[in-house]
mmCIF file of all heavy atoms, coordinates in Angstrom:
data_MODEL
# 
_entry.id   MODEL 
# 
loop_
_atom_site.group_PDB 
_atom_site.id 
_atom_site.type_symbol 
_atom_site.label_atom_id 
_atom_site.label_alt_id 
_atom_site.label_comp_id 
_atom_site.label_asym_id 
_atom_site.label_entity_id 
_atom_site.label_seq_id 
_atom_site.pdbx_PDB_ins_code 
_atom_site.Cartn_x 
_atom_site.Cartn_y 
_atom_site.Cartn_z 
_atom_site.occupancy 
_atom_site.B_iso_or_equiv 
_atom_site.pdbx_formal_charge 
_atom_site.auth_seq_id 
_atom_site.auth_comp_id 
_atom_site.auth_asym_id 
_atom_site.auth_atom_id 
_atom_site.pdbx_PDB_model_num 
ATOM 1   N N   . THR A 1 1  ? 56.544 117.588 -79.057 1.00 0.00 ? 1  THR A N   1 
ATOM 2   C CA  . THR A 1 1  ? 56.521 116.188 -78.672 1.00 0.00 ? 1  THR A CA  1 
ATOM 3   C C   . THR A 1 1  ? 57.757 115.855 -77.853 1.00 0.00 ? 1  THR A C   1 
ATOM 4   O O   . THR A 1 1  ? 58.752 116.594 -77.865 1.00 0.00 ? 1  THR A O   1 
ATOM 5   C CB  . THR A 1 1  ? 56.445 115.248 -79.906 1.00 0.00 ? 1  THR A CB  1 
ATOM 6   O OG1 . THR A 1 1  ? 57.581 115.493 -80.719 1.00 0.00 ? 1  THR A OG1 1 
ATOM 7   C CG2 . THR A 1 1  ? 55.167 115.496 -80.701 1.00 0.00 ? 1  THR A CG2 1 
ATOM 8   N N   . PHE A 1 2  ? 57.724 114.691 -77.170 1.00 0.00 ? 2  PHE A N   1 
ATOM 9   C CA  . PHE A 1 2  ? 58.819 114.309 -76.297 1.00 0.00 ? 2  PHE A CA  1 
ATOM 10  C C   . PHE A 1 2  ? 59.695 113.264 -76.972 1.00 0.00 ? 2  PHE A C   1 
ATOM 11  O O   . PHE A 1 2  ? 59.172 112.174 -77.328 1.00 0.00 ? 2  PHE A O   1 
ATOM 12  C CB  . PHE A 1 2  ? 58.260 113.776 -74.989 1.00 0.00 ? 2  PHE A CB  1 
ATOM 13  C CG  . PHE A 1 2  ? 59.308 113.366 -73.996 1.00 0.00 ? 2  PHE A CG  1 
ATOM 14  C CD1 . PHE A 1 2  ? 60.181 114.283 -73.463 1.00 0.00 ? 2  PHE A CD1 1 
ATOM 15  C CD2 . PHE A 1 2  ? 59.406 112.049 -73.603 1.00 0.00 ? 2  PHE A CD2 1 
ATOM 16  C CE1 . PHE A 1 2  ? 61.139 113.908 -72.527 1.00 0.00 ? 2  PHE A CE1 1 
ATOM 17  C CE2 . PHE A 1 2  ? 60.351 111.634 -72.685 1.00 0.00 ? 2  PHE A CE2 1 
ATOM 18  C CZ  . PHE A 1 2  ? 61.216 112.577 -72.140 1.00 0.00 ? 2  PHE A CZ  1 
ATOM 19  N N   . LEU A 1 3  ? 60.948 113.571 -77.205 1.00 0.00 ? 3  LEU A N   1 
ATOM 20  C CA  . LEU A 1 3  ? 61.936 112.642 -77.766 1.00 0.00 ? 3  LEU A CA  1 
ATOM 21  C C   . LEU A 1 3  ? 61.469 112.069 -79.145 1.00 0.00 ? 3  LEU A C   1 
ATOM 22  O O   . LEU A 1 3  ? 61.788 110.934 -79.494 1.00 0.00 ? 3  LEU A O   1 
ATOM 23  C CB  . LEU A 1 3  ? 62.221 111.480 -76.803 1.00 0.00 ? 3  LEU A CB  1 
ATOM 24  C CG  . LEU A 1 3  ? 62.927 111.848 -75.502 1.00 0.00 ? 3  LEU A CG  1 
ATOM 25  C CD1 . LEU A 1 3  ? 63.031 110.643 -74.609 1.00 0.00 ? 3  LEU A CD1 1 
ATOM 26  C CD2 . LEU A 1 3  ? 64.303 112.467 -75.781 1.00 0.00 ? 3  LEU A CD2 1 
ATOM 27  N N   . GLY A 1 4  ? 60.682 112.847 -79.872 1.00 0.00 ? 4  GLY A N   1 
ATOM 28  C CA  . GLY A 1 4  ? 60.256 112.446 -81.184 1.00 0.00 ? 4  GLY A CA  1 
ATOM 29  C C   . GLY A 1 4  ? 59.213 111.316 -81.159 1.00 0.00 ? 4  GLY A C   1 
ATOM 30  O O   . GLY A 1 4  ? 58.926 110.678 -82.182 1.00 0.00 ? 4  GLY A O   1 
ATOM 31  N N   . THR A 1 5  ? 58.607 111.047 -79.986 1.00 0.00 ? 5  THR A N   1 
ATOM 32  C CA  . THR A 1 5  ? 57.592 110.011 -79.869 1.00 0.00 ? 5  THR A CA  1 
ATOM 33  C C   . THR A 1 5  ? 56.198 110.611 -80.072 1.00 0.00 ? 5  THR A C   1 
ATOM 34  O O   . THR A 1 5  ? 56.031 111.769 -80.357 1.00 0.00 ? 5  THR A O   1 
ATOM 35  C CB  . THR A 1 5  ? 57.636 109.312 -78.513 1.00 0.00 ? 5  THR A CB  1 
ATOM 36  O OG1 . THR A 1 5  ? 57.296 110.295 -77.502 1.00 0.00 ? 5  THR A OG1 1 
ATOM 37  C CG2 . THR A 1 5  ? 59.065 108.805 -78.222 1.00 0.00 ? 5  THR A CG2 1 
ATOM 38  N N   . GLY A 1 6  ? 55.173 109.771 -79.863 1.00 0.00 ? 6  GLY A N   1 
ATOM 39  C CA  . GLY A 1 6  ? 53.798 110.293 -79.915 1.00 0.00 ? 6  GLY A CA  1 
ATOM 40  C C   . GLY A 1 6  ? 53.347 110.914 -78.639 1.00 0.00 ? 6  GLY A C   1 
ATOM 41  O O   . GLY A 1 6  ? 52.171 111.337 -78.533 1.00 0.00 ? 6  GLY A O   1 
ATOM 42  N N   . ILE A 1 7  ? 54.223 111.009 -77.650 1.00 0.00 ? 7  ILE A N   1 
ATOM 43  C CA  . ILE A 1 7  ? 53.841 111.594 -76.363 1.00 0.00 ? 7  ILE A CA  1 
ATOM 44  C C   . ILE A 1 7  ? 54.017 113.129 -76.467 1.00 0.00 ? 7  ILE A C   1 
ATOM 45  O O   . ILE A 1 7  ? 55.071 113.637 -76.778 1.00 0.00 ? 7  ILE A O   1 
ATOM 46  C CB  . ILE A 1 7  ? 54.743 111.061 -75.236 1.00 0.00 ? 7  ILE A CB  1 
ATOM 47  C CG1 . ILE A 1 7  ? 54.523 109.524 -75.130 1.00 0.00 ? 7  ILE A CG1 1 
ATOM 48  C CG2 . ILE A 1 7  ? 54.372 111.698 -73.908 1.00 0.00 ? 7  ILE A CG2 1 
ATOM 49  C CD1 . ILE A 1 7  ? 55.418 108.904 -74.054 1.00 0.00 ? 7  ILE A CD1 1 
ATOM 50  N N   . ASN A 1 8  ? 52.947 113.840 -76.159 1.00 0.00 ? 8  ASN A N   1 
ATOM 51  C CA  . ASN A 1 8  ? 52.968 115.300 -76.148 1.00 0.00 ? 8  ASN A CA  1 
ATOM 52  C C   . ASN A 1 8  ? 53.935 115.778 -75.077 1.00 0.00 ? 8  ASN A C   1 
ATOM 53  O O   . ASN A 1 8  ? 54.060 115.181 -74.016 1.00 0.00 ? 8  ASN A O   1 
ATOM 54  C CB  . ASN A 1 8  ? 51.561 115.832 -75.868 1.00 0.00 ? 8  ASN A CB  1 
ATOM 55  C CG  . ASN A 1 8  ? 51.515 117.346 -75.848 1.00 0.00 ? 8  ASN A CG  1 
ATOM 56  O OD1 . ASN A 1 8  ? 51.652 117.958 -74.792 1.00 0.00 ? 8  ASN A OD1 1 
ATOM 57  N ND2 . ASN A 1 8  ? 51.315 117.954 -77.016 1.00 0.00 ? 8  ASN A ND2 1 
ATOM 58  N N   . ALA A 1 9  ? 54.609 116.905 -75.311 1.00 0.00 ? 9  ALA A N   1 
ATOM 59  C CA  . ALA A 1 9  ? 55.586 117.410 -74.382 1.00 0.00 ? 9  ALA A CA  1 
ATOM 60  C C   . ALA A 1 9  ? 54.929 117.733 -73.048 1.00 0.00 ? 9  ALA A C   1 
ATOM 61  O O   . ALA A 1 9  ? 55.519 117.449 -71.967 1.00 0.00 ? 9  ALA A O   1 
ATOM 62  C CB  . ALA A 1 9  ? 56.281 118.668 -74.921 1.00 0.00 ? 9  ALA A CB  1 
ATOM 63  N N   . LYS A 1 10 ? 53.755 118.308 -73.059 1.00 0.00 ? 10 LYS A N   1 
ATOM 64  C CA  . LYS A 1 10 ? 53.087 118.616 -71.791 1.00 0.00 ? 10 LYS A CA  1 
ATOM 65  C C   . LYS A 1 10 ? 52.806 117.324 -71.001 1.00 0.00 ? 10 LYS A C   1 
ATOM 66  O O   . LYS A 1 10 ? 52.946 117.276 -69.789 1.00 0.00 ? 10 LYS A O   1 
ATOM 67  C CB  . LYS A 1 10 ? 51.817 119.395 -71.997 1.00 0.00 ? 10 LYS A CB  1 
ATOM 68  C CG  . LYS A 1 10 ? 51.113 119.763 -70.692 1.00 0.00 ? 10 LYS A CG  1 
ATOM 69  C CD  . LYS A 1 10 ? 49.883 120.630 -70.906 1.00 0.00 ? 10 LYS A CD  1 
ATOM 70  C CE  . LYS A 1 10 ? 49.224 120.952 -69.574 1.00 0.00 ? 10 LYS A CE  1 
ATOM 71  N NZ  . LYS A 1 10 ? 48.066 121.902 -69.701 1.00 0.00 ? 10 LYS A NZ  1 
ATOM 72  N N   . THR A 1 11 ? 52.355 116.300 -71.720 1.00 0.00 ? 11 THR A N   1 
ATOM 73  C CA  . THR A 1 11 ? 52.112 115.016 -71.046 1.00 0.00 ? 11 THR A CA  1 
ATOM 74  C C   . THR A 1 11 ? 53.400 114.508 -70.412 1.00 0.00 ? 11 THR A C   1 
ATOM 75  O O   . THR A 1 11 ? 53.378 113.952 -69.282 1.00 0.00 ? 11 THR A O   1 
ATOM 76  C CB  . THR A 1 11 ? 51.567 113.982 -72.045 1.00 0.00 ? 11 THR A CB  1 
ATOM 77  O OG1 . THR A 1 11 ? 50.340 114.479 -72.603 1.00 0.00 ? 11 THR A OG1 1 
ATOM 78  C CG2 . THR A 1 11 ? 51.333 112.621 -71.382 1.00 0.00 ? 11 THR A CG2 1 
ATOM 79  N N   . ALA A 1 12 ? 54.515 114.632 -71.100 1.00 0.00 ? 12 ALA A N   1 
ATOM 80  C CA  . ALA A 1 12 ? 55.814 114.194 -70.579 1.00 0.00 ? 12 ALA A CA  1 
ATOM 81  C C   . ALA A 1 12 ? 56.158 114.975 -69.302 1.00 0.00 ? 12 ALA A C   1 
ATOM 82  O O   . ALA A 1 12 ? 56.650 114.369 -68.331 1.00 0.00 ? 12 ALA A O   1 
ATOM 83  C CB  . ALA A 1 12 ? 56.893 114.334 -71.615 1.00 0.00 ? 12 ALA A CB  1 
ATOM 84  N N   . TYR A 1 13 ? 55.906 116.269 -69.319 1.00 0.00 ? 13 TYR A N   1 
ATOM 85  C CA  . TYR A 1 13 ? 56.202 117.069 -68.131 1.00 0.00 ? 13 TYR A CA  1 
ATOM 86  C C   . TYR A 1 13 ? 55.271 116.678 -66.965 1.00 0.00 ? 13 TYR A C   1 
ATOM 87  O O   . TYR A 1 13 ? 55.722 116.569 -65.789 1.00 0.00 ? 13 TYR A O   1 
ATOM 88  C CB  . TYR A 1 13 ? 56.060 118.555 -68.449 1.00 0.00 ? 13 TYR A CB  1 
ATOM 89  C CG  . TYR A 1 13 ? 56.928 119.028 -69.582 1.00 0.00 ? 13 TYR A CG  1 
ATOM 90  C CD1 . TYR A 1 13 ? 56.559 120.154 -70.351 1.00 0.00 ? 13 TYR A CD1 1 
ATOM 91  C CD2 . TYR A 1 13 ? 58.107 118.365 -69.919 1.00 0.00 ? 13 TYR A CD2 1 
ATOM 92  C CE1 . TYR A 1 13 ? 57.345 120.589 -71.386 1.00 0.00 ? 13 TYR A CE1 1 
ATOM 93  C CE2 . TYR A 1 13 ? 58.902 118.804 -70.974 1.00 0.00 ? 13 TYR A CE2 1 
ATOM 94  C CZ  . TYR A 1 13 ? 58.521 119.909 -71.707 1.00 0.00 ? 13 TYR A CZ  1 
ATOM 95  O OH  . TYR A 1 13 ? 59.302 120.362 -72.776 1.00 0.00 ? 13 TYR A OH  1 
ATOM 96  N N   . VAL A 1 14 ? 54.014 116.494 -67.289 1.00 0.00 ? 14 VAL A N   1 
ATOM 97  C CA  . VAL A 1 14 ? 53.032 116.121 -66.253 1.00 0.00 ? 14 VAL A CA  1 
ATOM 98  C C   . VAL A 1 14 ? 53.429 114.765 -65.655 1.00 0.00 ? 14 VAL A C   1 
ATOM 99  O O   . VAL A 1 14 ? 53.461 114.592 -64.390 1.00 0.00 ? 14 VAL A O   1 
ATOM 100 C CB  . VAL A 1 14 ? 51.600 116.054 -66.838 1.00 0.00 ? 14 VAL A CB  1 
ATOM 101 C CG1 . VAL A 1 14 ? 50.661 115.385 -65.833 1.00 0.00 ? 14 VAL A CG1 1 
ATOM 102 C CG2 . VAL A 1 14 ? 51.101 117.451 -67.155 1.00 0.00 ? 14 VAL A CG2 1 
ATOM 103 N N   . ILE A 1 15 ? 53.740 113.808 -66.497 1.00 0.00 ? 15 ILE A N   1 
ATOM 104 C CA  . ILE A 1 15 ? 54.102 112.462 -66.002 1.00 0.00 ? 15 ILE A CA  1 
ATOM 105 C C   . ILE A 1 15 ? 55.407 112.499 -65.221 1.00 0.00 ? 15 ILE A C   1 
ATOM 106 O O   . ILE A 1 15 ? 55.554 111.826 -64.206 1.00 0.00 ? 15 ILE A O   1 
ATOM 107 C CB  . ILE A 1 15 ? 54.186 111.465 -67.180 1.00 0.00 ? 15 ILE A CB  1 
ATOM 108 C CG1 . ILE A 1 15 ? 52.785 111.222 -67.780 1.00 0.00 ? 15 ILE A CG1 1 
ATOM 109 C CG2 . ILE A 1 15 ? 54.788 110.131 -66.748 1.00 0.00 ? 15 ILE A CG2 1 
ATOM 110 C CD1 . ILE A 1 15 ? 52.773 110.353 -68.994 1.00 0.00 ? 15 ILE A CD1 1 
ATOM 111 N N   . SER A 1 16 ? 56.358 113.259 -65.719 1.00 0.00 ? 16 SER A N   1 
ATOM 112 C CA  . SER A 1 16 ? 57.637 113.345 -65.003 1.00 0.00 ? 16 SER A CA  1 
ATOM 113 C C   . SER A 1 16 ? 57.465 113.896 -63.592 1.00 0.00 ? 16 SER A C   1 
ATOM 114 O O   . SER A 1 16 ? 58.042 113.397 -62.619 1.00 0.00 ? 16 SER A O   1 
ATOM 115 C CB  . SER A 1 16 ? 58.609 114.229 -65.795 1.00 0.00 ? 16 SER A CB  1 
ATOM 116 O OG  . SER A 1 16 ? 58.923 113.683 -67.035 1.00 0.00 ? 16 SER A OG  1 
ATOM 117 N N   . GLN A 1 17 ? 56.669 114.960 -63.482 1.00 0.00 ? 17 GLN A N   1 
ATOM 118 C CA  . GLN A 1 17 ? 56.422 115.503 -62.137 1.00 0.00 ? 17 GLN A CA  1 
ATOM 119 C C   . GLN A 1 17 ? 55.674 114.494 -61.310 1.00 0.00 ? 17 GLN A C   1 
ATOM 120 O O   . GLN A 1 17 ? 55.955 114.330 -60.095 1.00 0.00 ? 17 GLN A O   1 
ATOM 121 C CB  . GLN A 1 17 ? 55.619 116.832 -62.245 1.00 0.00 ? 17 GLN A CB  1 
ATOM 122 C CG  . GLN A 1 17 ? 55.512 117.543 -60.896 1.00 0.00 ? 17 GLN A CG  1 
ATOM 123 C CD  . GLN A 1 17 ? 54.516 118.685 -60.926 1.00 0.00 ? 17 GLN A CD  1 
ATOM 124 O OE1 . GLN A 1 17 ? 53.366 118.519 -61.338 1.00 0.00 ? 17 GLN A OE1 1 
ATOM 125 N NE2 . GLN A 1 17 ? 54.998 119.875 -60.547 1.00 0.00 ? 17 GLN A NE2 1 
ATOM 126 N N   . LEU A 1 18 ? 54.662 113.828 -61.905 1.00 0.00 ? 18 LEU A N   1 
ATOM 127 C CA  . LEU A 1 18 ? 53.934 112.791 -61.164 1.00 0.00 ? 18 LEU A CA  1 
ATOM 128 C C   . LEU A 1 18 ? 54.846 111.674 -60.678 1.00 0.00 ? 18 LEU A C   1 
ATOM 129 O O   . LEU A 1 18 ? 54.645 111.184 -59.569 1.00 0.00 ? 18 LEU A O   1 
ATOM 130 C CB  . LEU A 1 18 ? 52.834 112.230 -62.068 1.00 0.00 ? 18 LEU A CB  1 
ATOM 131 C CG  . LEU A 1 18 ? 51.512 112.981 -62.086 1.00 0.00 ? 18 LEU A CG  1 
ATOM 132 C CD1 . LEU A 1 18 ? 50.577 112.348 -63.124 1.00 0.00 ? 18 LEU A CD1 1 
ATOM 133 C CD2 . LEU A 1 18 ? 50.872 112.977 -60.727 1.00 0.00 ? 18 LEU A CD2 1 
ATOM 134 N N   . LEU A 1 19 ? 55.792 111.266 -61.529 1.00 0.00 ? 19 LEU A N   1 
ATOM 135 C CA  . LEU A 1 19 ? 56.723 110.217 -61.113 1.00 0.00 ? 19 LEU A CA  1 
ATOM 136 C C   . LEU A 1 19 ? 57.506 110.677 -59.896 1.00 0.00 ? 19 LEU A C   1 
ATOM 137 O O   . LEU A 1 19 ? 57.688 109.907 -58.919 1.00 0.00 ? 19 LEU A O   1 
ATOM 138 C CB  . LEU A 1 19 ? 57.664 109.856 -62.241 1.00 0.00 ? 19 LEU A CB  1 
ATOM 139 C CG  . LEU A 1 19 ? 57.059 109.015 -63.378 1.00 0.00 ? 19 LEU A CG  1 
ATOM 140 C CD1 . LEU A 1 19 ? 58.015 108.939 -64.557 1.00 0.00 ? 19 LEU A CD1 1 
ATOM 141 C CD2 . LEU A 1 19 ? 56.693 107.628 -62.879 1.00 0.00 ? 19 LEU A CD2 1 
ATOM 142 N N   . GLY A 1 20 ? 58.024 111.901 -59.918 1.00 0.00 ? 20 GLY A N   1 
ATOM 143 C CA  . GLY A 1 20 ? 58.768 112.438 -58.800 1.00 0.00 ? 20 GLY A CA  1 
ATOM 144 C C   . GLY A 1 20 ? 57.878 112.536 -57.554 1.00 0.00 ? 20 GLY A C   1 
ATOM 145 O O   . GLY A 1 20 ? 58.292 112.200 -56.440 1.00 0.00 ? 20 GLY A O   1 
ATOM 146 N N   . TYR A 1 21 ? 56.659 112.990 -57.793 1.00 0.00 ? 21 TYR A N   1 
ATOM 147 C CA  . TYR A 1 21 ? 55.705 113.152 -56.689 1.00 0.00 ? 21 TYR A CA  1 
ATOM 148 C C   . TYR A 1 21 ? 55.323 111.779 -56.086 1.00 0.00 ? 21 TYR A C   1 
ATOM 149 O O   . TYR A 1 21 ? 55.192 111.660 -54.872 1.00 0.00 ? 21 TYR A O   1 
ATOM 150 C CB  . TYR A 1 21 ? 54.440 113.855 -57.228 1.00 0.00 ? 21 TYR A CB  1 
ATOM 151 C CG  . TYR A 1 21 ? 53.654 114.631 -56.219 1.00 0.00 ? 21 TYR A CG  1 
ATOM 152 C CD1 . TYR A 1 21 ? 54.107 115.838 -55.729 1.00 0.00 ? 21 TYR A CD1 1 
ATOM 153 C CD2 . TYR A 1 21 ? 52.420 114.158 -55.769 1.00 0.00 ? 21 TYR A CD2 1 
ATOM 154 C CE1 . TYR A 1 21 ? 53.366 116.581 -54.815 1.00 0.00 ? 21 TYR A CE1 1 
ATOM 155 C CE2 . TYR A 1 21 ? 51.671 114.885 -54.832 1.00 0.00 ? 21 TYR A CE2 1 
ATOM 156 C CZ  . TYR A 1 21 ? 52.168 116.092 -54.374 1.00 0.00 ? 21 TYR A CZ  1 
ATOM 157 O OH  . TYR A 1 21 ? 51.401 116.810 -53.461 1.00 0.00 ? 21 TYR A OH  1 
ATOM 158 N N   . THR A 1 22 ? 55.194 110.780 -56.971 1.00 0.00 ? 22 THR A N   1 
ATOM 159 C CA  . THR A 1 22 ? 54.886 109.423 -56.498 1.00 0.00 ? 22 THR A CA  1 
ATOM 160 C C   . THR A 1 22 ? 56.008 108.858 -55.679 1.00 0.00 ? 22 THR A C   1 
ATOM 161 O O   . THR A 1 22 ? 55.793 108.292 -54.606 1.00 0.00 ? 22 THR A O   1 
ATOM 162 C CB  . THR A 1 22 ? 54.575 108.515 -57.673 1.00 0.00 ? 22 THR A CB  1 
ATOM 163 O OG1 . THR A 1 22 ? 53.506 109.065 -58.471 1.00 0.00 ? 22 THR A OG1 1 
ATOM 164 C CG2 . THR A 1 22 ? 54.195 107.121 -57.224 1.00 0.00 ? 22 THR A CG2 1 
ATOM 165 N N   . VAL A 1 23 ? 57.250 109.001 -56.174 1.00 0.00 ? 23 VAL A N   1 
ATOM 166 C CA  . VAL A 1 23 ? 58.426 108.534 -55.402 1.00 0.00 ? 23 VAL A CA  1 
ATOM 167 C C   . VAL A 1 23 ? 58.457 109.234 -54.067 1.00 0.00 ? 23 VAL A C   1 
ATOM 168 O O   . VAL A 1 23 ? 58.738 108.645 -53.011 1.00 0.00 ? 23 VAL A O   1 
ATOM 169 C CB  . VAL A 1 23 ? 59.715 108.759 -56.216 1.00 0.00 ? 23 VAL A CB  1 
ATOM 170 C CG1 . VAL A 1 23 ? 60.940 108.492 -55.349 1.00 0.00 ? 23 VAL A CG1 1 
ATOM 171 C CG2 . VAL A 1 23 ? 59.717 107.911 -57.464 1.00 0.00 ? 23 VAL A CG2 1 
ATOM 172 N N   . SER A 1 24 ? 58.137 110.528 -54.057 1.00 0.00 ? 24 SER A N   1 
ATOM 173 C CA  . SER A 1 24 ? 58.132 111.290 -52.842 1.00 0.00 ? 24 SER A CA  1 
ATOM 174 C C   . SER A 1 24 ? 57.112 110.749 -51.809 1.00 0.00 ? 24 SER A C   1 
ATOM 175 O O   . SER A 1 24 ? 57.373 110.720 -50.614 1.00 0.00 ? 24 SER A O   1 
ATOM 176 C CB  . SER A 1 24 ? 57.805 112.765 -53.152 1.00 0.00 ? 24 SER A CB  1 
ATOM 177 O OG  . SER A 1 24 ? 57.816 113.559 -51.980 1.00 0.00 ? 24 SER A OG  1 
ATOM 178 N N   . LYS A 1 25 ? 55.991 110.291 -52.315 1.00 0.00 ? 25 LYS A N   1 
ATOM 179 C CA  . LYS A 1 25 ? 54.966 109.719 -51.415 1.00 0.00 ? 25 LYS A CA  1 
ATOM 180 C C   . LYS A 1 25 ? 55.475 108.445 -50.783 1.00 0.00 ? 25 LYS A C   1 
ATOM 181 O O   . LYS A 1 25 ? 55.209 108.192 -49.584 1.00 0.00 ? 25 LYS A O   1 
ATOM 182 C CB  . LYS A 1 25 ? 53.663 109.491 -52.183 1.00 0.00 ? 25 LYS A CB  1 
ATOM 183 C CG  . LYS A 1 25 ? 52.986 110.769 -52.638 1.00 0.00 ? 25 LYS A CG  1 
ATOM 184 C CD  . LYS A 1 25 ? 52.531 111.633 -51.495 1.00 0.00 ? 25 LYS A CD  1 
ATOM 185 C CE  . LYS A 1 25 ? 51.788 112.873 -51.969 1.00 0.00 ? 25 LYS A CE  1 
ATOM 186 N NZ  . LYS A 1 25 ? 51.371 113.743 -50.833 1.00 0.00 ? 25 LYS A NZ  1 
ATOM 187 N N   . TYR A 1 26 ? 56.126 107.598 -51.561 1.00 0.00 ? 26 TYR A N   1 
ATOM 188 C CA  . TYR A 1 26 ? 56.678 106.356 -50.973 1.00 0.00 ? 26 TYR A CA  1 
ATOM 189 C C   . TYR A 1 26 ? 57.778 106.670 -49.936 1.00 0.00 ? 26 TYR A C   1 
ATOM 190 O O   . TYR A 1 26 ? 57.808 106.059 -48.879 1.00 0.00 ? 26 TYR A O   1 
ATOM 191 C CB  . TYR A 1 26 ? 57.270 105.482 -52.085 1.00 0.00 ? 26 TYR A CB  1 
ATOM 192 C CG  . TYR A 1 26 ? 56.204 104.727 -52.880 1.00 0.00 ? 26 TYR A CG  1 
ATOM 193 C CD1 . TYR A 1 26 ? 55.833 105.136 -54.146 1.00 0.00 ? 26 TYR A CD1 1 
ATOM 194 C CD2 . TYR A 1 26 ? 55.600 103.584 -52.360 1.00 0.00 ? 26 TYR A CD2 1 
ATOM 195 C CE1 . TYR A 1 26 ? 54.842 104.471 -54.870 1.00 0.00 ? 26 TYR A CE1 1 
ATOM 196 C CE2 . TYR A 1 26 ? 54.633 102.870 -53.077 1.00 0.00 ? 26 TYR A CE2 1 
ATOM 197 C CZ  . TYR A 1 26 ? 54.271 103.316 -54.312 1.00 0.00 ? 26 TYR A CZ  1 
ATOM 198 O OH  . TYR A 1 26 ? 53.307 102.642 -55.052 1.00 0.00 ? 26 TYR A OH  1 
ATOM 199 N N   . ILE A 1 27 ? 58.618 107.658 -50.255 1.00 0.00 ? 27 ILE A N   1 
ATOM 200 C CA  . ILE A 1 27 ? 59.600 108.097 -49.262 1.00 0.00 ? 27 ILE A CA  1 
ATOM 201 C C   . ILE A 1 27 ? 58.928 108.661 -48.016 1.00 0.00 ? 27 ILE A C   1 
ATOM 202 O O   . ILE A 1 27 ? 59.349 108.428 -46.888 1.00 0.00 ? 27 ILE A O   1 
ATOM 203 C CB  . ILE A 1 27 ? 60.578 109.103 -49.910 1.00 0.00 ? 27 ILE A CB  1 
ATOM 204 C CG1 . ILE A 1 27 ? 61.357 108.490 -51.052 1.00 0.00 ? 27 ILE A CG1 1 
ATOM 205 C CG2 . ILE A 1 27 ? 61.518 109.692 -48.847 1.00 0.00 ? 27 ILE A CG2 1 
ATOM 206 C CD1 . ILE A 1 27 ? 62.165 109.498 -51.843 1.00 0.00 ? 27 ILE A CD1 1 
ATOM 207 N N   . GLY A 1 28 ? 57.838 109.427 -48.280 1.00 0.00 ? 28 GLY A N   1 
ATOM 208 C CA  . GLY A 1 28 ? 57.158 110.072 -47.175 1.00 0.00 ? 28 GLY A CA  1 
ATOM 209 C C   . GLY A 1 28 ? 56.459 109.143 -46.228 1.00 0.00 ? 28 GLY A C   1 
ATOM 210 O O   . GLY A 1 28 ? 56.193 109.487 -45.093 1.00 0.00 ? 28 GLY A O   1 
# 
């Protein structure tokens, strides 16, 4: 789990990459 929350670690990794990818699209 991520930071002891109910969020699965893989979900946290997926969302983190998506956040970076989303910011990249706005920059792009």
